[in-house]
N, C-alpha and C. Protein backbone atom coordinates (compact mmCIF):
# COMPACT_ATOMS: atom_id res chain seq x y z
N MET A 1 17.05 -20.85 -15.25
CA MET A 1 18.02 -20.14 -14.40
C MET A 1 17.31 -19.00 -13.67
N VAL A 2 17.51 -18.96 -12.34
CA VAL A 2 16.88 -17.93 -11.53
C VAL A 2 17.69 -16.64 -11.63
N ARG A 3 16.99 -15.53 -11.96
CA ARG A 3 17.67 -14.25 -12.08
C ARG A 3 17.90 -13.66 -10.70
N GLN A 4 19.13 -13.23 -10.45
CA GLN A 4 19.47 -12.65 -9.16
C GLN A 4 18.90 -11.23 -9.05
N ARG A 5 18.58 -10.83 -7.84
CA ARG A 5 18.08 -9.48 -7.61
C ARG A 5 19.18 -8.47 -7.93
N GLU A 6 18.76 -7.36 -8.51
CA GLU A 6 19.71 -6.33 -8.90
C GLU A 6 19.67 -5.14 -7.95
N PHE A 7 19.24 -5.39 -6.72
CA PHE A 7 19.22 -4.32 -5.73
C PHE A 7 19.57 -4.88 -4.37
N ASP A 8 20.03 -3.99 -3.50
CA ASP A 8 20.39 -4.36 -2.13
C ASP A 8 19.13 -4.32 -1.27
N THR A 9 18.73 -5.47 -0.75
CA THR A 9 17.48 -5.57 0.01
C THR A 9 17.46 -4.63 1.21
N GLU A 10 18.55 -4.55 1.94
CA GLU A 10 18.60 -3.71 3.13
C GLU A 10 18.50 -2.23 2.77
N GLU A 11 19.16 -1.83 1.71
CA GLU A 11 19.08 -0.43 1.28
C GLU A 11 17.67 -0.07 0.86
N VAL A 12 17.04 -0.98 0.14
CA VAL A 12 15.66 -0.75 -0.32
C VAL A 12 14.72 -0.67 0.88
N LEU A 13 14.89 -1.57 1.84
CA LEU A 13 14.05 -1.55 3.04
C LEU A 13 14.23 -0.25 3.82
N THR A 14 15.44 0.25 3.86
CA THR A 14 15.69 1.52 4.55
C THR A 14 14.93 2.66 3.86
N THR A 15 14.97 2.69 2.54
CA THR A 15 14.25 3.71 1.78
C THR A 15 12.75 3.61 2.04
N ILE A 16 12.24 2.40 2.03
CA ILE A 16 10.80 2.18 2.24
C ILE A 16 10.41 2.53 3.67
N MET A 17 11.26 2.16 4.62
CA MET A 17 11.02 2.49 6.02
C MET A 17 10.91 4.00 6.21
N GLU A 18 11.83 4.75 5.61
CA GLU A 18 11.81 6.21 5.71
C GLU A 18 10.53 6.77 5.10
N LEU A 19 10.07 6.17 4.03
CA LEU A 19 8.85 6.64 3.36
C LEU A 19 7.64 6.42 4.25
N PHE A 20 7.49 5.22 4.79
CA PHE A 20 6.39 4.93 5.71
C PHE A 20 6.48 5.82 6.96
N TRP A 21 7.68 6.01 7.44
CA TRP A 21 7.92 6.79 8.66
C TRP A 21 7.47 8.23 8.47
N GLN A 22 7.78 8.79 7.30
CA GLN A 22 7.45 10.18 7.03
C GLN A 22 5.98 10.37 6.66
N ARG A 23 5.45 9.50 5.81
CA ARG A 23 4.11 9.70 5.24
C ARG A 23 3.01 8.93 5.95
N GLY A 24 3.38 7.84 6.66
CA GLY A 24 2.38 6.98 7.26
C GLY A 24 1.99 5.89 6.29
N TYR A 25 1.41 4.83 6.81
CA TYR A 25 1.06 3.68 5.97
C TYR A 25 -0.06 4.02 4.98
N ALA A 26 -1.12 4.62 5.49
CA ALA A 26 -2.29 4.90 4.65
C ALA A 26 -1.96 5.87 3.52
N ASN A 27 -1.06 6.80 3.77
CA ASN A 27 -0.73 7.82 2.77
C ASN A 27 0.44 7.43 1.88
N THR A 28 0.90 6.20 2.00
CA THR A 28 1.98 5.71 1.15
C THR A 28 1.42 4.64 0.21
N SER A 29 1.46 4.89 -1.07
CA SER A 29 0.95 3.93 -2.05
C SER A 29 2.10 3.12 -2.64
N MET A 30 1.77 2.05 -3.31
CA MET A 30 2.80 1.27 -3.99
C MET A 30 3.46 2.11 -5.07
N LYS A 31 2.71 3.03 -5.68
CA LYS A 31 3.30 3.94 -6.66
C LYS A 31 4.36 4.81 -6.02
N ASP A 32 4.10 5.29 -4.80
CA ASP A 32 5.10 6.08 -4.06
C ASP A 32 6.35 5.25 -3.81
N ILE A 33 6.16 4.00 -3.45
CA ILE A 33 7.29 3.11 -3.15
C ILE A 33 8.10 2.83 -4.40
N VAL A 34 7.43 2.61 -5.50
CA VAL A 34 8.11 2.38 -6.77
C VAL A 34 8.95 3.60 -7.15
N GLN A 35 8.37 4.79 -7.00
CA GLN A 35 9.08 6.02 -7.33
C GLN A 35 10.28 6.25 -6.42
N ALA A 36 10.12 5.92 -5.14
CA ALA A 36 11.20 6.15 -4.17
C ALA A 36 12.35 5.18 -4.36
N THR A 37 12.03 3.95 -4.72
CA THR A 37 13.06 2.90 -4.83
C THR A 37 13.58 2.72 -6.25
N GLY A 38 12.76 3.11 -7.24
CA GLY A 38 13.14 2.87 -8.63
C GLY A 38 13.00 1.42 -9.04
N ILE A 39 12.27 0.65 -8.23
CA ILE A 39 12.10 -0.79 -8.49
C ILE A 39 10.66 -1.04 -8.93
N GLN A 40 10.49 -1.85 -9.94
CA GLN A 40 9.17 -2.12 -10.47
C GLN A 40 8.33 -2.96 -9.50
N PRO A 41 7.00 -2.80 -9.55
CA PRO A 41 6.12 -3.51 -8.61
C PRO A 41 6.35 -5.02 -8.57
N GLY A 42 6.53 -5.63 -9.73
CA GLY A 42 6.73 -7.08 -9.75
C GLY A 42 7.93 -7.52 -8.95
N SER A 43 9.01 -6.77 -9.06
CA SER A 43 10.24 -7.10 -8.31
C SER A 43 10.04 -6.86 -6.82
N LEU A 44 9.31 -5.79 -6.47
CA LEU A 44 9.03 -5.52 -5.06
C LEU A 44 8.18 -6.63 -4.45
N TYR A 45 7.14 -7.04 -5.16
CA TYR A 45 6.27 -8.10 -4.65
C TYR A 45 7.03 -9.41 -4.51
N ALA A 46 7.90 -9.69 -5.47
CA ALA A 46 8.68 -10.93 -5.43
C ALA A 46 9.64 -10.95 -4.25
N ALA A 47 10.20 -9.79 -3.93
CA ALA A 47 11.19 -9.71 -2.87
C ALA A 47 10.57 -9.60 -1.48
N PHE A 48 9.47 -8.86 -1.38
CA PHE A 48 8.94 -8.53 -0.05
C PHE A 48 7.49 -8.98 0.18
N GLY A 49 6.74 -9.22 -0.86
CA GLY A 49 5.32 -9.52 -0.70
C GLY A 49 4.50 -8.26 -0.94
N ASP A 50 3.24 -8.26 -0.49
CA ASP A 50 2.36 -7.12 -0.72
C ASP A 50 2.74 -5.94 0.18
N LYS A 51 1.97 -4.88 0.09
CA LYS A 51 2.29 -3.65 0.82
C LYS A 51 2.35 -3.89 2.33
N GLU A 52 1.41 -4.66 2.86
CA GLU A 52 1.39 -4.90 4.30
C GLU A 52 2.62 -5.68 4.75
N LYS A 53 2.99 -6.71 3.99
CA LYS A 53 4.19 -7.49 4.34
C LYS A 53 5.44 -6.64 4.20
N LEU A 54 5.45 -5.77 3.20
CA LEU A 54 6.57 -4.87 3.02
C LEU A 54 6.69 -3.94 4.22
N PHE A 55 5.55 -3.43 4.65
CA PHE A 55 5.56 -2.55 5.82
C PHE A 55 6.05 -3.30 7.06
N GLN A 56 5.60 -4.52 7.25
CA GLN A 56 6.00 -5.29 8.43
C GLN A 56 7.51 -5.47 8.49
N GLN A 57 8.13 -5.70 7.33
CA GLN A 57 9.59 -5.86 7.30
C GLN A 57 10.29 -4.53 7.58
N ALA A 58 9.75 -3.45 7.03
CA ALA A 58 10.32 -2.13 7.29
C ALA A 58 10.15 -1.76 8.77
N PHE A 59 9.00 -2.11 9.33
CA PHE A 59 8.71 -1.82 10.74
C PHE A 59 9.66 -2.60 11.65
N LYS A 60 9.91 -3.85 11.31
CA LYS A 60 10.85 -4.67 12.09
C LYS A 60 12.24 -4.05 12.06
N LYS A 61 12.64 -3.58 10.90
CA LYS A 61 13.96 -2.94 10.77
C LYS A 61 14.03 -1.70 11.64
N TYR A 62 12.96 -0.92 11.65
CA TYR A 62 12.92 0.30 12.46
C TYR A 62 13.04 -0.02 13.95
N THR A 63 12.23 -0.96 14.43
CA THR A 63 12.24 -1.25 15.86
C THR A 63 13.58 -1.81 16.32
N GLN A 64 14.24 -2.57 15.45
CA GLN A 64 15.52 -3.16 15.82
C GLN A 64 16.66 -2.16 15.76
N GLU A 65 16.68 -1.34 14.72
CA GLU A 65 17.84 -0.50 14.46
C GLU A 65 17.70 0.94 14.98
N PHE A 66 16.48 1.41 15.11
CA PHE A 66 16.30 2.82 15.45
C PHE A 66 15.62 3.04 16.80
N PHE A 67 14.83 2.09 17.24
CA PHE A 67 14.06 2.33 18.46
C PHE A 67 14.65 1.58 19.64
N PHE A 68 14.58 0.27 19.63
CA PHE A 68 15.03 -0.49 20.80
C PHE A 68 16.54 -0.47 20.95
N ALA A 69 17.25 -0.19 19.87
CA ALA A 69 18.71 -0.06 19.98
C ALA A 69 19.09 1.14 20.83
N SER A 70 18.16 2.09 20.99
CA SER A 70 18.46 3.30 21.77
C SER A 70 18.24 3.11 23.27
N ILE A 71 17.66 1.99 23.67
CA ILE A 71 17.36 1.77 25.09
C ILE A 71 18.63 1.39 25.84
N PRO A 72 18.98 2.13 26.90
CA PRO A 72 20.18 1.80 27.69
C PRO A 72 20.02 0.45 28.38
N ARG A 73 21.09 -0.28 28.44
CA ARG A 73 21.05 -1.62 29.05
C ARG A 73 21.99 -1.77 30.23
N ARG A 74 23.11 -1.08 30.20
CA ARG A 74 24.14 -1.30 31.23
C ARG A 74 24.32 -0.05 32.08
N ALA A 75 23.38 0.18 32.95
CA ALA A 75 23.43 1.32 33.87
C ALA A 75 22.50 1.02 35.04
N PRO A 76 22.63 1.73 36.16
CA PRO A 76 21.67 1.56 37.25
C PRO A 76 20.25 1.77 36.71
N PRO A 77 19.26 1.07 37.28
CA PRO A 77 17.91 1.07 36.70
C PRO A 77 17.26 2.43 36.51
N LEU A 78 17.33 3.29 37.51
CA LEU A 78 16.71 4.61 37.37
C LEU A 78 17.46 5.47 36.36
N GLU A 79 18.76 5.27 36.28
CA GLU A 79 19.56 5.99 35.30
C GLU A 79 19.21 5.55 33.88
N CYS A 80 18.94 4.26 33.71
CA CYS A 80 18.52 3.74 32.40
C CYS A 80 17.25 4.46 31.93
N ILE A 81 16.30 4.56 32.81
CA ILE A 81 15.02 5.20 32.47
C ILE A 81 15.24 6.68 32.15
N GLN A 82 15.99 7.37 33.00
CA GLN A 82 16.25 8.79 32.80
C GLN A 82 16.97 9.03 31.47
N THR A 83 18.01 8.24 31.22
CA THR A 83 18.80 8.40 30.00
C THR A 83 17.95 8.19 28.76
N TRP A 84 17.05 7.21 28.80
CA TRP A 84 16.22 6.93 27.63
C TRP A 84 15.24 8.07 27.36
N PHE A 85 14.61 8.57 28.40
CA PHE A 85 13.70 9.71 28.21
C PHE A 85 14.46 10.91 27.62
N GLU A 86 15.63 11.17 28.14
CA GLU A 86 16.42 12.30 27.63
C GLU A 86 16.82 12.08 26.18
N HIS A 87 17.19 10.84 25.85
CA HIS A 87 17.55 10.52 24.46
C HIS A 87 16.37 10.73 23.52
N LEU A 88 15.19 10.25 23.91
CA LEU A 88 14.01 10.39 23.06
C LEU A 88 13.66 11.85 22.83
N ALA A 89 13.70 12.64 23.90
CA ALA A 89 13.38 14.07 23.78
C ALA A 89 14.35 14.76 22.82
N LYS A 90 15.64 14.45 22.97
CA LYS A 90 16.65 15.08 22.11
C LYS A 90 16.49 14.64 20.66
N ALA A 91 16.26 13.33 20.45
CA ALA A 91 16.12 12.80 19.09
C ALA A 91 14.90 13.39 18.39
N MET A 92 13.79 13.50 19.10
CA MET A 92 12.58 14.03 18.50
C MET A 92 12.71 15.53 18.20
N ALA A 93 13.33 16.27 19.11
CA ALA A 93 13.47 17.72 18.95
C ALA A 93 14.44 18.07 17.83
N SER A 94 15.38 17.19 17.56
CA SER A 94 16.42 17.50 16.56
C SER A 94 16.08 16.98 15.17
N ASP A 95 14.89 16.39 15.00
CA ASP A 95 14.49 15.86 13.69
C ASP A 95 13.78 16.95 12.88
N PRO A 96 14.43 17.50 11.86
CA PRO A 96 13.82 18.59 11.10
C PRO A 96 12.61 18.15 10.28
N THR A 97 12.51 16.85 10.00
CA THR A 97 11.38 16.37 9.20
C THR A 97 10.16 16.05 10.05
N GLN A 98 10.33 16.07 11.37
CA GLN A 98 9.21 15.90 12.30
C GLN A 98 8.45 14.59 12.05
N LYS A 99 9.21 13.51 11.88
CA LYS A 99 8.60 12.20 11.59
C LYS A 99 7.97 11.57 12.81
N GLY A 100 8.43 11.97 14.00
CA GLY A 100 7.96 11.30 15.20
C GLY A 100 8.57 9.91 15.32
N CYS A 101 7.80 8.97 15.78
CA CYS A 101 8.25 7.59 15.99
C CYS A 101 7.37 6.66 15.17
N LEU A 102 7.98 5.81 14.36
CA LEU A 102 7.20 4.92 13.49
C LEU A 102 6.32 3.98 14.31
N LEU A 103 6.81 3.54 15.45
CA LEU A 103 6.01 2.66 16.31
C LEU A 103 4.73 3.35 16.76
N ILE A 104 4.85 4.54 17.29
CA ILE A 104 3.67 5.27 17.78
C ILE A 104 2.81 5.74 16.62
N ASN A 105 3.44 6.19 15.53
CA ASN A 105 2.67 6.58 14.35
C ASN A 105 1.78 5.43 13.87
N THR A 106 2.35 4.24 13.88
CA THR A 106 1.61 3.06 13.42
C THR A 106 0.48 2.72 14.38
N ALA A 107 0.76 2.83 15.68
CA ALA A 107 -0.27 2.55 16.68
C ALA A 107 -1.45 3.50 16.53
N MET A 108 -1.17 4.72 16.05
CA MET A 108 -2.21 5.73 15.92
C MET A 108 -3.03 5.59 14.64
N GLU A 109 -2.59 4.74 13.72
CA GLU A 109 -3.38 4.48 12.51
C GLU A 109 -3.73 2.99 12.41
N ARG A 110 -4.14 2.46 13.54
CA ARG A 110 -4.45 1.03 13.65
C ARG A 110 -5.46 0.57 12.61
N GLU A 111 -6.43 1.42 12.31
CA GLU A 111 -7.51 1.01 11.40
C GLU A 111 -7.00 0.73 9.98
N SER A 112 -5.79 1.17 9.67
CA SER A 112 -5.24 0.96 8.32
C SER A 112 -4.48 -0.35 8.19
N HIS A 113 -4.31 -1.06 9.31
CA HIS A 113 -3.45 -2.23 9.31
C HIS A 113 -4.21 -3.53 9.55
N SER A 114 -3.54 -4.61 9.17
CA SER A 114 -4.09 -5.95 9.41
C SER A 114 -3.93 -6.33 10.87
N PRO A 115 -4.71 -7.29 11.34
CA PRO A 115 -4.56 -7.75 12.74
C PRO A 115 -3.15 -8.24 13.05
N SER A 116 -2.47 -8.82 12.07
CA SER A 116 -1.12 -9.32 12.33
C SER A 116 -0.14 -8.18 12.59
N THR A 117 -0.29 -7.08 11.87
CA THR A 117 0.57 -5.91 12.12
C THR A 117 0.26 -5.30 13.47
N ILE A 118 -1.00 -5.16 13.80
CA ILE A 118 -1.39 -4.58 15.09
C ILE A 118 -0.87 -5.44 16.24
N ALA A 119 -0.88 -6.75 16.05
CA ALA A 119 -0.35 -7.64 17.09
C ALA A 119 1.13 -7.38 17.34
N VAL A 120 1.87 -7.11 16.27
CA VAL A 120 3.30 -6.80 16.40
C VAL A 120 3.49 -5.47 17.12
N VAL A 121 2.68 -4.48 16.75
CA VAL A 121 2.76 -3.17 17.38
C VAL A 121 2.47 -3.27 18.88
N ASP A 122 1.40 -4.00 19.22
CA ASP A 122 1.04 -4.17 20.63
C ASP A 122 2.15 -4.88 21.41
N SER A 123 2.80 -5.83 20.74
CA SER A 123 3.89 -6.56 21.39
C SER A 123 5.07 -5.63 21.67
N ARG A 124 5.35 -4.71 20.74
CA ARG A 124 6.45 -3.77 20.94
C ARG A 124 6.12 -2.78 22.07
N LEU A 125 4.87 -2.37 22.16
CA LEU A 125 4.46 -1.51 23.28
C LEU A 125 4.60 -2.26 24.60
N ASP A 126 4.27 -3.54 24.59
CA ASP A 126 4.46 -4.37 25.79
C ASP A 126 5.93 -4.44 26.17
N ASP A 127 6.80 -4.47 25.16
CA ASP A 127 8.24 -4.50 25.42
C ASP A 127 8.70 -3.24 26.15
N ILE A 128 8.14 -2.10 25.75
CA ILE A 128 8.50 -0.84 26.41
C ILE A 128 8.05 -0.86 27.86
N GLU A 129 6.81 -1.29 28.08
CA GLU A 129 6.30 -1.38 29.44
C GLU A 129 7.15 -2.35 30.27
N SER A 130 7.58 -3.43 29.65
CA SER A 130 8.41 -4.41 30.34
C SER A 130 9.77 -3.81 30.72
N PHE A 131 10.32 -2.98 29.84
CA PHE A 131 11.57 -2.28 30.15
C PHE A 131 11.43 -1.45 31.42
N PHE A 132 10.34 -0.71 31.51
CA PHE A 132 10.10 0.10 32.71
C PHE A 132 9.87 -0.79 33.92
N ARG A 133 9.05 -1.82 33.76
CA ARG A 133 8.71 -2.70 34.88
C ARG A 133 9.97 -3.35 35.46
N GLN A 134 10.83 -3.86 34.60
CA GLN A 134 12.04 -4.54 35.06
C GLN A 134 12.98 -3.60 35.79
N ASN A 135 13.15 -2.39 35.24
CA ASN A 135 14.06 -1.43 35.87
C ASN A 135 13.50 -0.90 37.19
N LEU A 136 12.19 -0.67 37.23
CA LEU A 136 11.59 -0.21 38.48
C LEU A 136 11.66 -1.30 39.55
N ALA A 137 11.39 -2.54 39.16
CA ALA A 137 11.46 -3.64 40.11
C ALA A 137 12.88 -3.80 40.64
N GLN A 138 13.88 -3.63 39.77
CA GLN A 138 15.27 -3.73 40.21
C GLN A 138 15.62 -2.58 41.15
N ALA A 139 15.08 -1.39 40.86
CA ALA A 139 15.33 -0.24 41.73
C ALA A 139 14.75 -0.46 43.12
N VAL A 140 13.59 -1.10 43.18
CA VAL A 140 12.99 -1.44 44.48
C VAL A 140 13.87 -2.46 45.20
N GLN A 141 14.32 -3.44 44.45
CA GLN A 141 15.16 -4.49 45.03
C GLN A 141 16.47 -3.92 45.57
N GLU A 142 17.02 -2.93 44.87
CA GLU A 142 18.27 -2.31 45.28
C GLU A 142 18.05 -1.18 46.28
N GLU A 143 16.80 -0.98 46.67
CA GLU A 143 16.39 0.03 47.65
C GLU A 143 16.63 1.46 47.19
N ASP A 144 16.62 1.66 45.87
CA ASP A 144 16.63 3.01 45.31
C ASP A 144 15.22 3.58 45.26
N LEU A 145 14.24 2.71 45.37
CA LEU A 145 12.83 3.08 45.48
C LEU A 145 12.25 2.36 46.69
N PRO A 146 11.24 2.92 47.32
CA PRO A 146 10.68 2.29 48.52
C PRO A 146 9.97 0.98 48.20
N ALA A 147 9.90 0.11 49.17
CA ALA A 147 9.24 -1.19 48.98
C ALA A 147 7.77 -1.02 48.64
N SER A 148 7.18 0.12 49.04
CA SER A 148 5.76 0.38 48.76
C SER A 148 5.51 0.90 47.35
N PHE A 149 6.57 1.12 46.59
CA PHE A 149 6.44 1.68 45.24
C PHE A 149 5.64 0.73 44.36
N ASP A 150 4.63 1.25 43.68
CA ASP A 150 3.77 0.45 42.81
C ASP A 150 4.42 0.31 41.45
N VAL A 151 5.15 -0.77 41.26
CA VAL A 151 5.90 -0.98 40.02
C VAL A 151 4.97 -1.07 38.81
N GLU A 152 3.91 -1.85 38.94
CA GLU A 152 3.01 -2.07 37.81
C GLU A 152 2.35 -0.77 37.36
N MET A 153 1.81 -0.03 38.30
CA MET A 153 1.13 1.21 37.95
C MET A 153 2.09 2.22 37.32
N ASN A 154 3.27 2.35 37.88
CA ASN A 154 4.22 3.33 37.37
C ASN A 154 4.84 2.91 36.04
N ALA A 155 4.97 1.62 35.81
CA ALA A 155 5.44 1.15 34.50
C ALA A 155 4.46 1.56 33.41
N LYS A 156 3.17 1.42 33.71
CA LYS A 156 2.14 1.82 32.75
C LYS A 156 2.11 3.34 32.58
N ALA A 157 2.33 4.06 33.67
CA ALA A 157 2.35 5.52 33.59
C ALA A 157 3.51 6.01 32.73
N LEU A 158 4.67 5.39 32.90
CA LEU A 158 5.84 5.78 32.11
C LEU A 158 5.64 5.43 30.63
N LEU A 159 5.01 4.29 30.36
CA LEU A 159 4.67 3.95 28.98
C LEU A 159 3.79 5.04 28.38
N GLY A 160 2.79 5.46 29.14
CA GLY A 160 1.90 6.52 28.67
C GLY A 160 2.64 7.81 28.38
N MET A 161 3.64 8.12 29.21
CA MET A 161 4.41 9.34 29.01
C MET A 161 5.28 9.24 27.75
N VAL A 162 5.82 8.06 27.49
CA VAL A 162 6.60 7.87 26.26
C VAL A 162 5.69 8.03 25.04
N VAL A 163 4.54 7.37 25.08
CA VAL A 163 3.60 7.46 23.96
C VAL A 163 3.19 8.91 23.74
N GLY A 164 2.89 9.62 24.84
CA GLY A 164 2.50 11.02 24.74
C GLY A 164 3.60 11.88 24.14
N MET A 165 4.82 11.68 24.60
CA MET A 165 5.94 12.44 24.09
C MET A 165 6.12 12.24 22.59
N LEU A 166 6.07 10.99 22.16
CA LEU A 166 6.32 10.68 20.76
C LEU A 166 5.15 11.10 19.86
N ALA A 167 3.95 11.11 20.42
CA ALA A 167 2.80 11.62 19.67
C ALA A 167 2.91 13.13 19.49
N VAL A 168 3.32 13.82 20.53
CA VAL A 168 3.52 15.27 20.45
C VAL A 168 4.61 15.59 19.43
N ALA A 169 5.67 14.78 19.41
CA ALA A 169 6.78 15.02 18.49
C ALA A 169 6.32 14.97 17.04
N ARG A 170 5.33 14.14 16.75
CA ARG A 170 4.80 14.05 15.39
C ARG A 170 3.99 15.29 15.02
N MET A 171 3.33 15.87 16.01
CA MET A 171 2.47 17.02 15.75
C MET A 171 3.26 18.32 15.68
N ARG A 172 4.30 18.43 16.53
CA ARG A 172 5.10 19.66 16.51
C ARG A 172 6.47 19.39 17.10
N ARG A 173 7.46 20.03 16.51
CA ARG A 173 8.84 19.84 16.97
C ARG A 173 9.15 20.92 18.00
N ASP A 174 8.72 20.68 19.22
CA ASP A 174 8.82 21.67 20.30
C ASP A 174 9.72 21.10 21.39
N ALA A 175 10.97 21.51 21.38
CA ALA A 175 11.94 20.97 22.32
C ALA A 175 11.53 21.22 23.77
N LYS A 176 10.96 22.39 24.03
CA LYS A 176 10.57 22.73 25.39
C LYS A 176 9.52 21.76 25.91
N THR A 177 8.51 21.48 25.08
CA THR A 177 7.46 20.54 25.49
C THR A 177 8.00 19.14 25.68
N LEU A 178 8.81 18.69 24.73
CA LEU A 178 9.37 17.34 24.81
C LEU A 178 10.26 17.18 26.04
N ASN A 179 11.08 18.18 26.29
CA ASN A 179 11.95 18.12 27.47
C ASN A 179 11.14 18.18 28.76
N SER A 180 10.02 18.89 28.74
CA SER A 180 9.16 18.97 29.93
C SER A 180 8.55 17.61 30.25
N ILE A 181 8.15 16.88 29.20
CA ILE A 181 7.60 15.54 29.42
C ILE A 181 8.66 14.63 30.00
N ALA A 182 9.86 14.68 29.43
CA ALA A 182 10.96 13.86 29.94
C ALA A 182 11.29 14.22 31.39
N THR A 183 11.32 15.51 31.67
CA THR A 183 11.62 15.98 33.03
C THR A 183 10.55 15.52 34.01
N GLY A 184 9.30 15.55 33.57
CA GLY A 184 8.20 15.10 34.43
C GLY A 184 8.32 13.64 34.78
N ALA A 185 8.70 12.83 33.81
CA ALA A 185 8.87 11.39 34.06
C ALA A 185 10.01 11.15 35.06
N ILE A 186 11.10 11.87 34.86
CA ILE A 186 12.25 11.71 35.73
C ILE A 186 11.94 12.21 37.14
N ALA A 187 11.19 13.33 37.21
CA ALA A 187 10.83 13.90 38.52
C ALA A 187 9.98 12.92 39.32
N LEU A 188 9.10 12.20 38.63
CA LEU A 188 8.26 11.19 39.29
C LEU A 188 9.12 10.18 40.04
N LEU A 189 10.19 9.76 39.42
CA LEU A 189 11.07 8.77 40.04
C LEU A 189 11.95 9.39 41.11
N ARG A 190 12.39 10.61 40.87
CA ARG A 190 13.26 11.27 41.86
C ARG A 190 12.53 11.55 43.16
N VAL A 191 11.27 11.92 43.06
CA VAL A 191 10.47 12.17 44.26
C VAL A 191 10.38 10.90 45.10
N GLN A 192 10.10 9.80 44.43
CA GLN A 192 9.99 8.51 45.14
C GLN A 192 11.34 8.12 45.74
N SER A 193 12.41 8.36 44.98
CA SER A 193 13.74 8.02 45.46
C SER A 193 14.13 8.88 46.66
N THR A 194 13.80 10.16 46.60
CA THR A 194 14.09 11.08 47.72
C THR A 194 13.31 10.69 48.96
N ASN A 195 12.05 10.33 48.77
CA ASN A 195 11.23 9.88 49.91
C ASN A 195 11.83 8.64 50.56
N GLN A 196 12.43 7.77 49.73
CA GLN A 196 13.03 6.56 50.25
C GLN A 196 14.23 6.91 51.14
N ILE A 197 15.02 7.90 50.69
CA ILE A 197 16.20 8.29 51.48
C ILE A 197 15.77 8.90 52.82
N GLN A 198 14.70 9.73 52.78
CA GLN A 198 14.22 10.37 53.98
C GLN A 198 13.61 9.35 54.92
């Protein structure tokens, strides 16, 4: 007879996700995870696999529930971009634990991860760039940006600004700096939009 698990998988994953998010992958040991969850190593391995597989599942939960869920979908393209930058700045500035972003934190400790985890991280970064690319292209199509606007270059620039903002948030919880980065990104688009009107 197979013994049923005596814990809620989603609750445990949330606890583990928070641990990785706060401490980082390299600084989180299986002993830390056992202490945080109250679950013995054998049960953790049986349910999730080794530490890397456990992290991958926690990372997937984070990107689905905490990161990409925050991206606006139903608004004019430039408004989507502006709203997301403002949301990120506010979320990072209001976090008293100064965790930053698990996606960017993970990208910054690439050497601690397997190639399969890094591939997932790179794919999620590509998703962010794609979000910018699609909205900028739509803004050009709707004539909110000039036809000469370099969508590809600016999509990469906006990705860089997001990465920079979230990296800064991990180092210090400085609302003024975070808001300045968001404002700079928005100003870049407003200048182009204003030039189009003129």
